[in-house]
N, C-alpha and C. Protein backbone atom coordinates (compact mmCIF):
# COMPACT_ATOMS: atom_id res chain seq x y z
N MET A 1 44.87 -4.21 20.56
CA MET A 1 44.43 -4.00 21.95
C MET A 1 44.03 -2.53 22.13
N THR A 2 42.98 -2.28 22.87
CA THR A 2 42.49 -0.93 23.12
C THR A 2 43.51 -0.11 23.90
N ASP A 3 43.43 1.21 23.74
CA ASP A 3 44.31 2.12 24.48
C ASP A 3 43.74 2.50 25.84
N LEU A 4 42.57 1.98 26.18
CA LEU A 4 41.97 2.33 27.46
C LEU A 4 42.81 1.83 28.62
N LYS A 5 42.79 2.59 29.71
CA LYS A 5 43.44 2.21 30.96
C LYS A 5 42.40 2.28 32.07
N LEU A 6 42.63 1.53 33.14
CA LEU A 6 41.63 1.42 34.21
C LEU A 6 42.29 1.60 35.58
N VAL A 7 41.74 2.50 36.37
CA VAL A 7 42.15 2.68 37.76
C VAL A 7 41.02 2.17 38.66
N ILE A 8 41.31 1.15 39.45
CA ILE A 8 40.31 0.53 40.32
C ILE A 8 40.60 0.93 41.76
N PHE A 9 39.59 1.44 42.44
CA PHE A 9 39.73 1.88 43.82
C PHE A 9 39.00 0.96 44.78
N ASP A 10 39.63 0.66 45.90
CA ASP A 10 38.92 0.20 47.08
C ASP A 10 38.15 1.41 47.62
N VAL A 11 37.23 1.19 48.55
CA VAL A 11 36.41 2.29 49.06
C VAL A 11 36.77 2.63 50.51
N ASP A 12 36.41 1.76 51.46
CA ASP A 12 36.64 2.04 52.87
C ASP A 12 38.14 2.09 53.17
N GLY A 13 38.59 3.22 53.70
CA GLY A 13 40.01 3.37 54.01
C GLY A 13 40.84 3.86 52.85
N THR A 14 40.23 3.98 51.67
CA THR A 14 40.95 4.45 50.49
C THR A 14 40.31 5.72 49.93
N LEU A 15 39.03 5.65 49.62
CA LEU A 15 38.29 6.83 49.18
C LEU A 15 37.62 7.55 50.35
N VAL A 16 37.07 6.78 51.27
CA VAL A 16 36.34 7.38 52.40
C VAL A 16 36.86 6.88 53.73
N ASP A 17 36.80 7.76 54.72
CA ASP A 17 37.17 7.39 56.09
C ASP A 17 35.91 6.95 56.81
N SER A 18 35.64 5.68 56.78
CA SER A 18 34.38 5.14 57.30
C SER A 18 34.55 4.45 58.65
N GLN A 19 35.69 4.66 59.30
CA GLN A 19 35.94 3.88 60.52
C GLN A 19 34.93 4.18 61.61
N GLY A 20 34.43 5.43 61.71
CA GLY A 20 33.44 5.73 62.74
C GLY A 20 32.17 4.93 62.54
N ASP A 21 31.71 4.86 61.29
CA ASP A 21 30.50 4.10 60.99
C ASP A 21 30.73 2.60 61.18
N ILE A 22 31.90 2.13 60.77
CA ILE A 22 32.21 0.70 60.92
C ILE A 22 32.26 0.31 62.39
N LEU A 23 32.94 1.10 63.21
CA LEU A 23 33.06 0.78 64.63
C LEU A 23 31.70 0.85 65.31
N GLY A 24 30.88 1.84 64.94
CA GLY A 24 29.55 1.95 65.54
C GLY A 24 28.66 0.78 65.18
N ALA A 25 28.69 0.39 63.90
CA ALA A 25 27.86 -0.73 63.46
C ALA A 25 28.33 -2.04 64.07
N MET A 26 29.65 -2.20 64.21
CA MET A 26 30.16 -3.42 64.82
C MET A 26 29.78 -3.50 66.29
N SER A 27 29.81 -2.37 66.98
CA SER A 27 29.39 -2.36 68.39
C SER A 27 27.93 -2.78 68.51
N ALA A 28 27.09 -2.31 67.58
CA ALA A 28 25.68 -2.69 67.60
C ALA A 28 25.49 -4.18 67.35
N ALA A 29 26.28 -4.71 66.42
CA ALA A 29 26.17 -6.14 66.10
C ALA A 29 26.53 -7.01 67.30
N PHE A 30 27.58 -6.63 68.02
CA PHE A 30 28.00 -7.41 69.19
C PHE A 30 27.03 -7.21 70.35
N ALA A 31 26.58 -5.98 70.55
CA ALA A 31 25.63 -5.71 71.64
C ALA A 31 24.34 -6.47 71.44
N GLY A 32 23.93 -6.64 70.18
CA GLY A 32 22.70 -7.37 69.89
C GLY A 32 22.74 -8.81 70.33
N GLU A 33 23.95 -9.35 70.47
CA GLU A 33 24.11 -10.74 70.92
C GLU A 33 24.63 -10.81 72.36
N GLY A 34 24.67 -9.65 73.03
CA GLY A 34 25.15 -9.63 74.41
C GLY A 34 26.64 -9.84 74.53
N LEU A 35 27.38 -9.46 73.49
CA LEU A 35 28.83 -9.66 73.47
C LEU A 35 29.56 -8.33 73.56
N VAL A 36 30.78 -8.38 74.06
CA VAL A 36 31.63 -7.20 74.12
C VAL A 36 32.29 -7.00 72.77
N ALA A 37 32.20 -5.80 72.23
CA ALA A 37 32.78 -5.51 70.91
C ALA A 37 34.30 -5.60 70.95
N PRO A 38 34.92 -6.01 69.85
CA PRO A 38 36.38 -6.06 69.79
C PRO A 38 36.99 -4.66 69.88
N ASP A 39 38.26 -4.61 70.20
CA ASP A 39 38.97 -3.34 70.22
C ASP A 39 39.07 -2.77 68.80
N ARG A 40 39.25 -1.46 68.70
CA ARG A 40 39.33 -0.77 67.42
C ARG A 40 40.34 -1.40 66.47
N PRO A 41 41.59 -1.70 66.91
CA PRO A 41 42.55 -2.28 65.96
C PRO A 41 42.08 -3.62 65.39
N ASP A 42 41.38 -4.41 66.20
CA ASP A 42 40.90 -5.71 65.72
C ASP A 42 39.81 -5.53 64.67
N VAL A 43 38.95 -4.52 64.85
CA VAL A 43 37.89 -4.27 63.87
C VAL A 43 38.50 -3.74 62.57
N LEU A 44 39.40 -2.78 62.67
CA LEU A 44 39.98 -2.20 61.46
C LEU A 44 40.81 -3.21 60.69
N ARG A 45 41.32 -4.21 61.38
CA ARG A 45 42.12 -5.23 60.71
C ARG A 45 41.31 -6.03 59.71
N ILE A 46 40.00 -6.14 59.93
CA ILE A 46 39.17 -6.95 59.02
C ILE A 46 38.44 -6.11 57.98
N VAL A 47 38.65 -4.78 58.00
CA VAL A 47 38.03 -3.93 56.98
C VAL A 47 38.57 -4.33 55.61
N GLY A 48 37.66 -4.50 54.68
CA GLY A 48 38.06 -4.96 53.34
C GLY A 48 37.53 -6.35 53.04
N LEU A 49 37.36 -7.15 54.09
CA LEU A 49 36.73 -8.46 53.91
C LEU A 49 35.23 -8.29 53.76
N SER A 50 34.59 -9.24 53.09
CA SER A 50 33.13 -9.27 53.09
C SER A 50 32.65 -9.56 54.51
N LEU A 51 31.46 -9.08 54.84
CA LEU A 51 30.99 -9.16 56.23
C LEU A 51 30.98 -10.58 56.82
N PRO A 52 30.49 -11.59 56.10
CA PRO A 52 30.52 -12.93 56.70
C PRO A 52 31.92 -13.39 57.06
N GLN A 53 32.89 -13.11 56.20
CA GLN A 53 34.27 -13.49 56.49
C GLN A 53 34.84 -12.66 57.64
N ALA A 54 34.46 -11.39 57.69
CA ALA A 54 34.91 -10.53 58.79
C ALA A 54 34.41 -11.06 60.13
N MET A 55 33.13 -11.40 60.19
CA MET A 55 32.56 -11.92 61.43
C MET A 55 33.20 -13.26 61.81
N GLU A 56 33.48 -14.07 60.81
CA GLU A 56 34.11 -15.36 61.10
C GLU A 56 35.48 -15.17 61.73
N GLN A 57 36.20 -14.14 61.31
CA GLN A 57 37.50 -13.87 61.90
C GLN A 57 37.38 -13.30 63.30
N LEU A 58 36.38 -12.44 63.50
CA LEU A 58 36.23 -11.79 64.80
C LEU A 58 35.67 -12.72 65.86
N VAL A 59 34.73 -13.60 65.48
CA VAL A 59 34.10 -14.50 66.46
C VAL A 59 34.06 -15.92 65.88
N PRO A 60 35.21 -16.54 65.72
CA PRO A 60 35.26 -17.86 65.07
C PRO A 60 34.56 -18.96 65.85
N ASP A 61 34.35 -18.74 67.14
CA ASP A 61 33.74 -19.80 67.97
C ASP A 61 32.21 -19.77 67.96
N LEU A 62 31.62 -18.73 67.37
CA LEU A 62 30.17 -18.66 67.30
C LEU A 62 29.64 -19.51 66.15
N GLY A 63 28.39 -19.93 66.28
CA GLY A 63 27.76 -20.70 65.22
C GLY A 63 27.38 -19.83 64.04
N THR A 64 27.11 -20.49 62.91
CA THR A 64 26.80 -19.77 61.68
C THR A 64 25.53 -18.93 61.82
N VAL A 65 24.52 -19.45 62.49
CA VAL A 65 23.26 -18.71 62.64
C VAL A 65 23.49 -17.41 63.41
N GLN A 66 24.24 -17.48 64.49
CA GLN A 66 24.47 -16.29 65.30
C GLN A 66 25.33 -15.28 64.54
N ARG A 67 26.32 -15.75 63.82
CA ARG A 67 27.16 -14.82 63.03
C ARG A 67 26.34 -14.17 61.92
N THR A 68 25.45 -14.94 61.31
CA THR A 68 24.59 -14.38 60.27
C THR A 68 23.69 -13.29 60.84
N ARG A 69 23.18 -13.52 62.03
CA ARG A 69 22.34 -12.51 62.69
C ARG A 69 23.16 -11.24 62.96
N MET A 70 24.40 -11.41 63.35
CA MET A 70 25.27 -10.26 63.61
C MET A 70 25.54 -9.48 62.33
N VAL A 71 25.70 -10.20 61.23
CA VAL A 71 25.90 -9.53 59.94
C VAL A 71 24.70 -8.65 59.61
N GLU A 72 23.50 -9.18 59.81
CA GLU A 72 22.30 -8.41 59.50
C GLU A 72 22.13 -7.21 60.43
N THR A 73 22.47 -7.38 61.70
CA THR A 73 22.42 -6.26 62.64
C THR A 73 23.41 -5.18 62.24
N TYR A 74 24.60 -5.62 61.85
CA TYR A 74 25.63 -4.67 61.39
C TYR A 74 25.12 -3.88 60.20
N LYS A 75 24.56 -4.55 59.22
CA LYS A 75 24.08 -3.87 58.00
C LYS A 75 23.03 -2.82 58.34
N ALA A 76 22.10 -3.18 59.22
CA ALA A 76 21.03 -2.24 59.58
C ALA A 76 21.59 -1.03 60.31
N ALA A 77 22.52 -1.27 61.24
CA ALA A 77 23.11 -0.16 61.99
C ALA A 77 23.95 0.73 61.09
N TYR A 78 24.70 0.12 60.18
CA TYR A 78 25.53 0.90 59.26
C TYR A 78 24.66 1.76 58.35
N ALA A 79 23.61 1.17 57.82
CA ALA A 79 22.72 1.91 56.92
C ALA A 79 22.09 3.10 57.63
N ALA A 80 21.69 2.91 58.89
CA ALA A 80 21.07 4.00 59.65
C ALA A 80 22.05 5.15 59.86
N GLN A 81 23.32 4.82 60.10
CA GLN A 81 24.32 5.86 60.31
C GLN A 81 24.62 6.62 59.02
N VAL A 82 24.79 5.88 57.93
CA VAL A 82 25.15 6.50 56.66
C VAL A 82 24.00 7.35 56.12
N THR A 83 22.75 6.94 56.42
CA THR A 83 21.60 7.72 55.99
C THR A 83 21.63 9.11 56.63
N CYS A 84 22.14 9.18 57.85
CA CYS A 84 22.22 10.47 58.55
C CYS A 84 23.40 11.29 58.03
N THR A 85 24.57 10.70 57.96
CA THR A 85 25.78 11.40 57.50
C THR A 85 26.69 10.41 56.80
N ALA A 86 27.01 10.66 55.54
CA ALA A 86 27.88 9.75 54.79
C ALA A 86 29.31 9.86 55.28
N SER A 87 30.03 8.74 55.28
CA SER A 87 31.45 8.74 55.62
C SER A 87 32.18 9.75 54.74
N PRO A 88 33.07 10.58 55.32
CA PRO A 88 33.72 11.64 54.53
C PRO A 88 34.78 11.10 53.58
N LEU A 89 34.90 11.74 52.44
CA LEU A 89 36.01 11.46 51.53
C LEU A 89 37.30 11.97 52.16
N TYR A 90 38.39 11.25 51.93
CA TYR A 90 39.68 11.71 52.42
C TYR A 90 40.10 12.99 51.70
N ASP A 91 40.95 13.76 52.36
CA ASP A 91 41.47 14.98 51.76
C ASP A 91 42.15 14.68 50.42
N GLY A 92 41.80 15.47 49.42
CA GLY A 92 42.43 15.32 48.11
C GLY A 92 41.75 14.34 47.19
N ILE A 93 40.86 13.50 47.71
CA ILE A 93 40.21 12.50 46.85
C ILE A 93 39.26 13.14 45.83
N PRO A 94 38.41 14.09 46.21
CA PRO A 94 37.53 14.69 45.18
C PRO A 94 38.33 15.30 44.03
N GLU A 95 39.40 16.01 44.36
CA GLU A 95 40.22 16.64 43.34
C GLU A 95 40.91 15.59 42.46
N LEU A 96 41.39 14.52 43.08
CA LEU A 96 42.04 13.47 42.31
C LEU A 96 41.06 12.81 41.35
N LEU A 97 39.86 12.50 41.82
CA LEU A 97 38.86 11.88 40.95
C LEU A 97 38.50 12.80 39.79
N ASP A 98 38.44 14.11 40.06
CA ASP A 98 38.15 15.06 38.98
C ASP A 98 39.27 15.05 37.95
N ARG A 99 40.51 15.05 38.42
CA ARG A 99 41.65 15.06 37.49
C ARG A 99 41.68 13.79 36.65
N LEU A 100 41.45 12.66 37.29
CA LEU A 100 41.46 11.39 36.56
C LEU A 100 40.30 11.34 35.56
N GLY A 101 39.16 11.87 35.97
CA GLY A 101 37.99 11.84 35.10
C GLY A 101 38.13 12.69 33.86
N ASP A 102 39.05 13.64 33.89
CA ASP A 102 39.26 14.52 32.73
C ASP A 102 40.22 13.94 31.70
N ILE A 103 40.80 12.78 31.98
CA ILE A 103 41.79 12.20 31.09
C ILE A 103 41.11 11.27 30.09
N ASP A 104 41.31 11.53 28.83
CA ASP A 104 40.75 10.67 27.79
C ASP A 104 41.30 9.26 27.91
N ASP A 105 40.46 8.28 27.68
CA ASP A 105 40.84 6.86 27.66
C ASP A 105 41.23 6.31 29.03
N LEU A 106 40.98 7.07 30.11
CA LEU A 106 41.25 6.56 31.46
C LEU A 106 39.91 6.32 32.15
N LEU A 107 39.67 5.08 32.53
CA LEU A 107 38.42 4.67 33.17
C LEU A 107 38.64 4.47 34.66
N LEU A 108 37.58 4.67 35.43
CA LEU A 108 37.64 4.48 36.88
C LEU A 108 36.68 3.38 37.30
N GLY A 109 37.12 2.57 38.25
CA GLY A 109 36.29 1.48 38.77
C GLY A 109 36.43 1.34 40.27
N VAL A 110 35.60 0.50 40.84
CA VAL A 110 35.59 0.22 42.28
C VAL A 110 35.56 -1.28 42.50
N ALA A 111 36.33 -1.73 43.48
CA ALA A 111 36.26 -3.12 43.96
C ALA A 111 36.22 -3.05 45.48
N THR A 112 35.09 -3.37 46.07
CA THR A 112 34.87 -3.13 47.50
C THR A 112 34.19 -4.29 48.19
N GLY A 113 34.44 -4.40 49.47
CA GLY A 113 33.74 -5.37 50.29
C GLY A 113 32.34 -4.91 50.67
N LYS A 114 31.95 -3.71 50.27
CA LYS A 114 30.60 -3.22 50.54
C LYS A 114 29.57 -3.99 49.73
N SER A 115 28.32 -3.91 50.17
CA SER A 115 27.21 -4.42 49.37
C SER A 115 26.89 -3.43 48.27
N ARG A 116 26.11 -3.87 47.29
CA ARG A 116 25.67 -2.98 46.22
C ARG A 116 24.85 -1.81 46.80
N ARG A 117 23.97 -2.13 47.73
CA ARG A 117 23.14 -1.08 48.32
C ARG A 117 23.99 -0.07 49.08
N GLY A 118 24.96 -0.56 49.85
CA GLY A 118 25.82 0.34 50.61
C GLY A 118 26.67 1.22 49.73
N LEU A 119 27.22 0.65 48.67
CA LEU A 119 28.04 1.44 47.75
C LEU A 119 27.19 2.49 47.04
N SER A 120 26.03 2.09 46.56
CA SER A 120 25.16 3.03 45.85
C SER A 120 24.77 4.20 46.74
N ARG A 121 24.47 3.90 48.00
CA ARG A 121 24.08 4.95 48.94
C ARG A 121 25.24 5.93 49.16
N LEU A 122 26.45 5.40 49.29
CA LEU A 122 27.62 6.24 49.53
C LEU A 122 27.93 7.11 48.31
N LEU A 123 27.93 6.51 47.12
CA LEU A 123 28.23 7.27 45.92
C LEU A 123 27.21 8.39 45.70
N LYS A 124 25.95 8.10 45.95
CA LYS A 124 24.91 9.11 45.79
C LYS A 124 25.13 10.26 46.77
N ALA A 125 25.50 9.94 48.00
CA ALA A 125 25.69 10.98 49.01
C ALA A 125 26.82 11.94 48.64
N HIS A 126 27.81 11.43 47.93
CA HIS A 126 28.95 12.26 47.55
C HIS A 126 28.89 12.75 46.10
N GLY A 127 27.76 12.55 45.45
CA GLY A 127 27.62 13.02 44.08
C GLY A 127 28.51 12.28 43.11
N LEU A 128 28.80 11.01 43.38
CA LEU A 128 29.71 10.24 42.55
C LEU A 128 29.00 9.16 41.73
N THR A 129 27.68 9.13 41.77
CA THR A 129 26.95 8.16 40.97
C THR A 129 27.29 8.35 39.50
N GLY A 130 27.69 7.29 38.84
CA GLY A 130 28.06 7.37 37.43
C GLY A 130 29.52 7.66 37.18
N ARG A 131 30.27 7.98 38.24
CA ARG A 131 31.69 8.30 38.06
C ARG A 131 32.50 7.05 37.70
N PHE A 132 32.08 5.90 38.22
CA PHE A 132 32.84 4.66 38.04
C PHE A 132 32.14 3.76 37.02
N VAL A 133 32.88 3.33 36.01
CA VAL A 133 32.27 2.57 34.92
C VAL A 133 32.09 1.10 35.29
N THR A 134 32.82 0.63 36.29
CA THR A 134 32.63 -0.75 36.77
C THR A 134 32.66 -0.71 38.29
N THR A 135 31.69 -1.37 38.92
CA THR A 135 31.61 -1.39 40.38
C THR A 135 31.42 -2.83 40.83
N GLN A 136 32.45 -3.38 41.40
CA GLN A 136 32.45 -4.77 41.87
C GLN A 136 32.25 -4.78 43.37
N VAL A 137 31.23 -5.53 43.84
CA VAL A 137 30.84 -5.51 45.24
C VAL A 137 30.77 -6.91 45.83
N ALA A 138 30.64 -6.95 47.16
CA ALA A 138 30.66 -8.22 47.87
C ALA A 138 29.47 -9.11 47.53
N ASP A 139 28.36 -8.52 47.09
CA ASP A 139 27.17 -9.33 46.76
C ASP A 139 27.46 -10.35 45.67
N ASP A 140 28.38 -10.03 44.79
CA ASP A 140 28.55 -10.81 43.56
C ASP A 140 29.81 -11.66 43.50
N HIS A 141 30.67 -11.59 44.54
CA HIS A 141 31.97 -12.23 44.45
C HIS A 141 32.41 -12.83 45.77
N PRO A 142 33.37 -13.75 45.74
CA PRO A 142 34.02 -14.17 46.98
C PRO A 142 34.73 -12.98 47.61
N SER A 143 34.98 -13.08 48.90
CA SER A 143 35.64 -11.99 49.61
C SER A 143 37.07 -11.78 49.11
N LYS A 144 37.53 -10.54 49.18
CA LYS A 144 38.95 -10.29 49.00
C LYS A 144 39.70 -11.17 50.00
N PRO A 145 40.89 -11.63 49.67
CA PRO A 145 41.74 -11.30 48.52
C PRO A 145 41.52 -12.15 47.28
N HIS A 146 40.42 -12.89 47.20
CA HIS A 146 40.13 -13.62 45.97
C HIS A 146 40.06 -12.62 44.82
N PRO A 147 40.64 -12.92 43.66
CA PRO A 147 40.72 -11.94 42.57
C PRO A 147 39.49 -11.81 41.69
N ALA A 148 38.38 -12.47 42.05
CA ALA A 148 37.21 -12.48 41.17
C ALA A 148 36.72 -11.08 40.82
N MET A 149 36.73 -10.15 41.78
CA MET A 149 36.27 -8.79 41.49
C MET A 149 37.08 -8.16 40.36
N LEU A 150 38.38 -8.33 40.41
CA LEU A 150 39.24 -7.71 39.41
C LEU A 150 39.12 -8.39 38.06
N PHE A 151 39.01 -9.69 38.07
CA PHE A 151 38.80 -10.39 36.80
C PHE A 151 37.51 -9.93 36.14
N SER A 152 36.46 -9.74 36.92
CA SER A 152 35.18 -9.30 36.37
C SER A 152 35.29 -7.88 35.81
N ALA A 153 36.00 -7.00 36.52
CA ALA A 153 36.17 -5.64 36.03
C ALA A 153 36.89 -5.62 34.69
N LEU A 154 37.94 -6.41 34.57
CA LEU A 154 38.68 -6.48 33.31
C LEU A 154 37.81 -7.06 32.21
N ASP A 155 37.07 -8.11 32.53
CA ASP A 155 36.22 -8.75 31.52
C ASP A 155 35.13 -7.79 31.03
N GLU A 156 34.54 -7.04 31.94
CA GLU A 156 33.47 -6.10 31.56
C GLU A 156 33.96 -5.10 30.53
N LEU A 157 35.22 -4.68 30.67
CA LEU A 157 35.73 -3.60 29.83
C LEU A 157 36.64 -4.08 28.71
N GLY A 158 36.88 -5.39 28.66
CA GLY A 158 37.72 -5.94 27.60
C GLY A 158 39.17 -5.52 27.72
N LEU A 159 39.68 -5.46 28.95
CA LEU A 159 41.05 -5.02 29.18
C LEU A 159 41.91 -6.15 29.71
N ASP A 160 43.22 -6.00 29.55
CA ASP A 160 44.19 -6.91 30.13
C ASP A 160 44.67 -6.37 31.48
N ALA A 161 45.22 -7.25 32.29
CA ALA A 161 45.69 -6.84 33.61
C ALA A 161 46.75 -5.74 33.53
N ALA A 162 47.57 -5.76 32.48
CA ALA A 162 48.62 -4.75 32.34
C ALA A 162 48.07 -3.35 32.11
N GLN A 163 46.79 -3.24 31.76
CA GLN A 163 46.17 -1.94 31.49
C GLN A 163 45.49 -1.36 32.72
N ALA A 164 45.68 -1.97 33.87
CA ALA A 164 44.97 -1.55 35.08
C ALA A 164 45.90 -1.44 36.28
N VAL A 165 45.48 -0.64 37.24
CA VAL A 165 46.11 -0.61 38.56
C VAL A 165 45.00 -0.69 39.61
N MET A 166 45.36 -1.22 40.78
CA MET A 166 44.43 -1.34 41.90
C MET A 166 44.94 -0.49 43.04
N ILE A 167 44.08 0.37 43.58
CA ILE A 167 44.44 1.26 44.69
C ILE A 167 43.73 0.78 45.95
N GLY A 168 44.48 0.57 47.04
CA GLY A 168 43.83 0.13 48.26
C GLY A 168 44.69 0.36 49.49
N ASP A 169 44.07 0.19 50.65
CA ASP A 169 44.76 0.47 51.91
C ASP A 169 45.04 -0.77 52.74
N THR A 170 44.62 -1.95 52.27
CA THR A 170 44.77 -3.15 53.09
C THR A 170 45.57 -4.23 52.37
N SER A 171 46.04 -5.16 53.16
CA SER A 171 46.75 -6.31 52.59
C SER A 171 45.82 -7.10 51.67
N TYR A 172 44.51 -7.11 51.98
CA TYR A 172 43.56 -7.85 51.14
C TYR A 172 43.51 -7.25 49.73
N ASP A 173 43.54 -5.92 49.66
CA ASP A 173 43.54 -5.25 48.35
C ASP A 173 44.78 -5.60 47.54
N MET A 174 45.94 -5.52 48.20
CA MET A 174 47.19 -5.75 47.48
C MET A 174 47.37 -7.23 47.11
N ASP A 175 46.94 -8.12 47.99
CA ASP A 175 47.00 -9.54 47.67
C ASP A 175 46.04 -9.89 46.54
N MET A 176 44.88 -9.26 46.52
CA MET A 176 43.92 -9.46 45.44
C MET A 176 44.51 -9.00 44.12
N ALA A 177 45.12 -7.83 44.12
CA ALA A 177 45.73 -7.30 42.90
C ALA A 177 46.82 -8.24 42.39
N GLU A 178 47.66 -8.69 43.29
CA GLU A 178 48.75 -9.59 42.89
C GLU A 178 48.19 -10.88 42.30
N ALA A 179 47.14 -11.41 42.91
CA ALA A 179 46.54 -12.65 42.42
C ALA A 179 45.94 -12.48 41.03
N ALA A 180 45.48 -11.27 40.72
CA ALA A 180 44.88 -11.00 39.41
C ALA A 180 45.91 -10.56 38.38
N GLY A 181 47.16 -10.40 38.80
CA GLY A 181 48.18 -9.94 37.88
C GLY A 181 48.13 -8.46 37.60
N ILE A 182 47.45 -7.71 38.48
CA ILE A 182 47.32 -6.26 38.36
C ILE A 182 48.28 -5.59 39.34
N ARG A 183 48.92 -4.52 38.90
CA ARG A 183 49.82 -3.80 39.79
C ARG A 183 49.04 -3.07 40.87
N GLY A 184 49.48 -3.24 42.11
CA GLY A 184 48.80 -2.64 43.24
C GLY A 184 49.54 -1.42 43.77
N ILE A 185 48.78 -0.39 44.11
CA ILE A 185 49.33 0.79 44.77
C ILE A 185 48.70 0.88 46.15
N GLY A 186 49.51 0.76 47.18
CA GLY A 186 49.01 0.83 48.55
C GLY A 186 49.03 2.25 49.07
N VAL A 187 48.00 2.63 49.82
CA VAL A 187 47.94 3.96 50.43
C VAL A 187 48.06 3.82 51.94
N THR A 188 48.75 4.76 52.56
CA THR A 188 49.06 4.63 53.99
C THR A 188 48.08 5.36 54.89
N TRP A 189 47.06 6.04 54.31
CA TRP A 189 46.12 6.79 55.15
C TRP A 189 44.94 5.94 55.61
N GLY A 190 44.91 4.65 55.27
CA GLY A 190 43.78 3.81 55.60
C GLY A 190 43.97 3.01 56.87
N TYR A 191 43.55 1.73 56.84
CA TYR A 191 43.38 0.96 58.06
C TYR A 191 44.42 -0.11 58.32
N HIS A 192 45.25 -0.43 57.33
CA HIS A 192 46.35 -1.37 57.57
C HIS A 192 47.67 -0.60 57.54
N PRO A 193 48.62 -0.99 58.38
CA PRO A 193 49.92 -0.29 58.38
C PRO A 193 50.68 -0.55 57.08
N ALA A 194 51.60 0.35 56.79
CA ALA A 194 52.37 0.26 55.54
C ALA A 194 53.08 -1.07 55.41
N ASP A 195 53.56 -1.62 56.53
CA ASP A 195 54.32 -2.87 56.44
C ASP A 195 53.44 -4.08 56.14
N ALA A 196 52.10 -3.87 56.12
CA ALA A 196 51.19 -4.96 55.74
C ALA A 196 50.92 -4.97 54.24
N LEU A 197 51.43 -3.96 53.53
CA LEU A 197 51.13 -3.81 52.11
C LEU A 197 52.26 -4.38 51.25
N GLY A 198 52.79 -5.50 51.67
CA GLY A 198 53.98 -6.06 51.02
C GLY A 198 53.79 -6.44 49.57
N ALA A 199 52.56 -6.74 49.16
CA ALA A 199 52.32 -7.14 47.77
C ALA A 199 52.16 -5.93 46.85
N ALA A 200 52.19 -4.72 47.39
CA ALA A 200 52.05 -3.52 46.57
C ALA A 200 53.31 -3.29 45.74
N VAL A 201 53.10 -2.80 44.53
CA VAL A 201 54.23 -2.39 43.70
C VAL A 201 54.76 -1.03 44.15
N ARG A 202 53.84 -0.17 44.57
CA ARG A 202 54.20 1.14 45.12
C ARG A 202 53.35 1.40 46.35
N VAL A 203 53.90 2.14 47.31
CA VAL A 203 53.16 2.59 48.49
C VAL A 203 53.27 4.11 48.54
N VAL A 204 52.14 4.80 48.71
CA VAL A 204 52.12 6.26 48.68
C VAL A 204 51.49 6.80 49.95
N ASN A 205 51.84 8.06 50.25
CA ASN A 205 51.42 8.67 51.52
C ASN A 205 50.36 9.75 51.38
N ASP A 206 50.11 10.23 50.17
CA ASP A 206 49.08 11.24 49.97
C ASP A 206 48.59 11.17 48.53
N THR A 207 47.57 11.96 48.23
CA THR A 207 46.96 11.86 46.90
C THR A 207 47.85 12.42 45.80
N GLN A 208 48.76 13.33 46.14
CA GLN A 208 49.70 13.82 45.13
C GLN A 208 50.64 12.69 44.70
N GLU A 209 51.15 11.94 45.68
CA GLU A 209 51.99 10.78 45.36
C GLU A 209 51.19 9.74 44.60
N LEU A 210 49.94 9.59 44.97
CA LEU A 210 49.10 8.60 44.28
C LEU A 210 48.91 8.98 42.82
N ALA A 211 48.65 10.25 42.55
CA ALA A 211 48.50 10.69 41.17
C ALA A 211 49.77 10.40 40.37
N GLY A 212 50.93 10.66 40.97
CA GLY A 212 52.19 10.39 40.29
C GLY A 212 52.39 8.91 40.01
N ALA A 213 52.02 8.07 40.98
CA ALA A 213 52.19 6.63 40.80
C ALA A 213 51.27 6.10 39.70
N ILE A 214 50.03 6.57 39.67
CA ILE A 214 49.10 6.15 38.62
C ILE A 214 49.63 6.58 37.25
N GLY A 215 50.11 7.83 37.17
CA GLY A 215 50.64 8.32 35.91
C GLY A 215 51.83 7.52 35.43
N ASP A 216 52.74 7.20 36.36
CA ASP A 216 53.92 6.43 35.98
C ASP A 216 53.56 5.03 35.48
N MET A 217 52.68 4.36 36.21
CA MET A 217 52.37 2.98 35.89
C MET A 217 51.55 2.84 34.62
N LEU A 218 50.62 3.77 34.41
CA LEU A 218 49.73 3.67 33.25
C LEU A 218 50.19 4.55 32.08
N GLU A 219 51.28 5.27 32.32
CA GLU A 219 51.86 6.12 31.27
C GLU A 219 50.84 7.14 30.77
N VAL A 220 50.25 7.85 31.73
CA VAL A 220 49.34 8.95 31.42
C VAL A 220 49.79 10.19 32.18
N THR A 221 49.44 11.35 31.66
CA THR A 221 49.76 12.61 32.31
C THR A 221 48.60 13.05 33.17
N ILE A 222 48.86 13.22 34.45
CA ILE A 222 47.81 13.60 35.40
C ILE A 222 48.11 15.00 35.94
């Protein structure tokens, strides 16, 4: 078995604080249909799901055509906002990615509810294009917490679940990790409260704790 190890990151609420863009795009999607946008906690609760599933949870009584239209309005509004200013990386994330990137045999990946286009735009804005060797997006998989994204990441790199950890801020991330047999590390600076991260093996409060947890689980020095 290879000595490679893999750290897989969620994006929204884990690497970047995108709540301003998410709330703005969701308001546009609801306004486009003459609807009142949900409250902030209700919107943040669905962050991590693929957009069709998120809309289904927010407006379950609407028809499929109308929800699909809202998804497209959301995408357009989000893209317009991110083109102007990319969602900021959380404090300590650039330094953590640099430290992890300097470790031999340690690979970095992404598993996100974003589209391929949205992820590519964000990574380019932050100079992170090429940093992640595997990028699993909503275009290609069922929504979290289905484990398909993680299975694909492992298959791409020829790794076993024991050689990887999943980092995320939502219950969907931790449930996905558990379903794939990958150890999950929950972060508390994102959009779900700590008590929602019950499937996590570890829960951390800052990037220093996160570095320690990754090192402990994967037996690497960070």
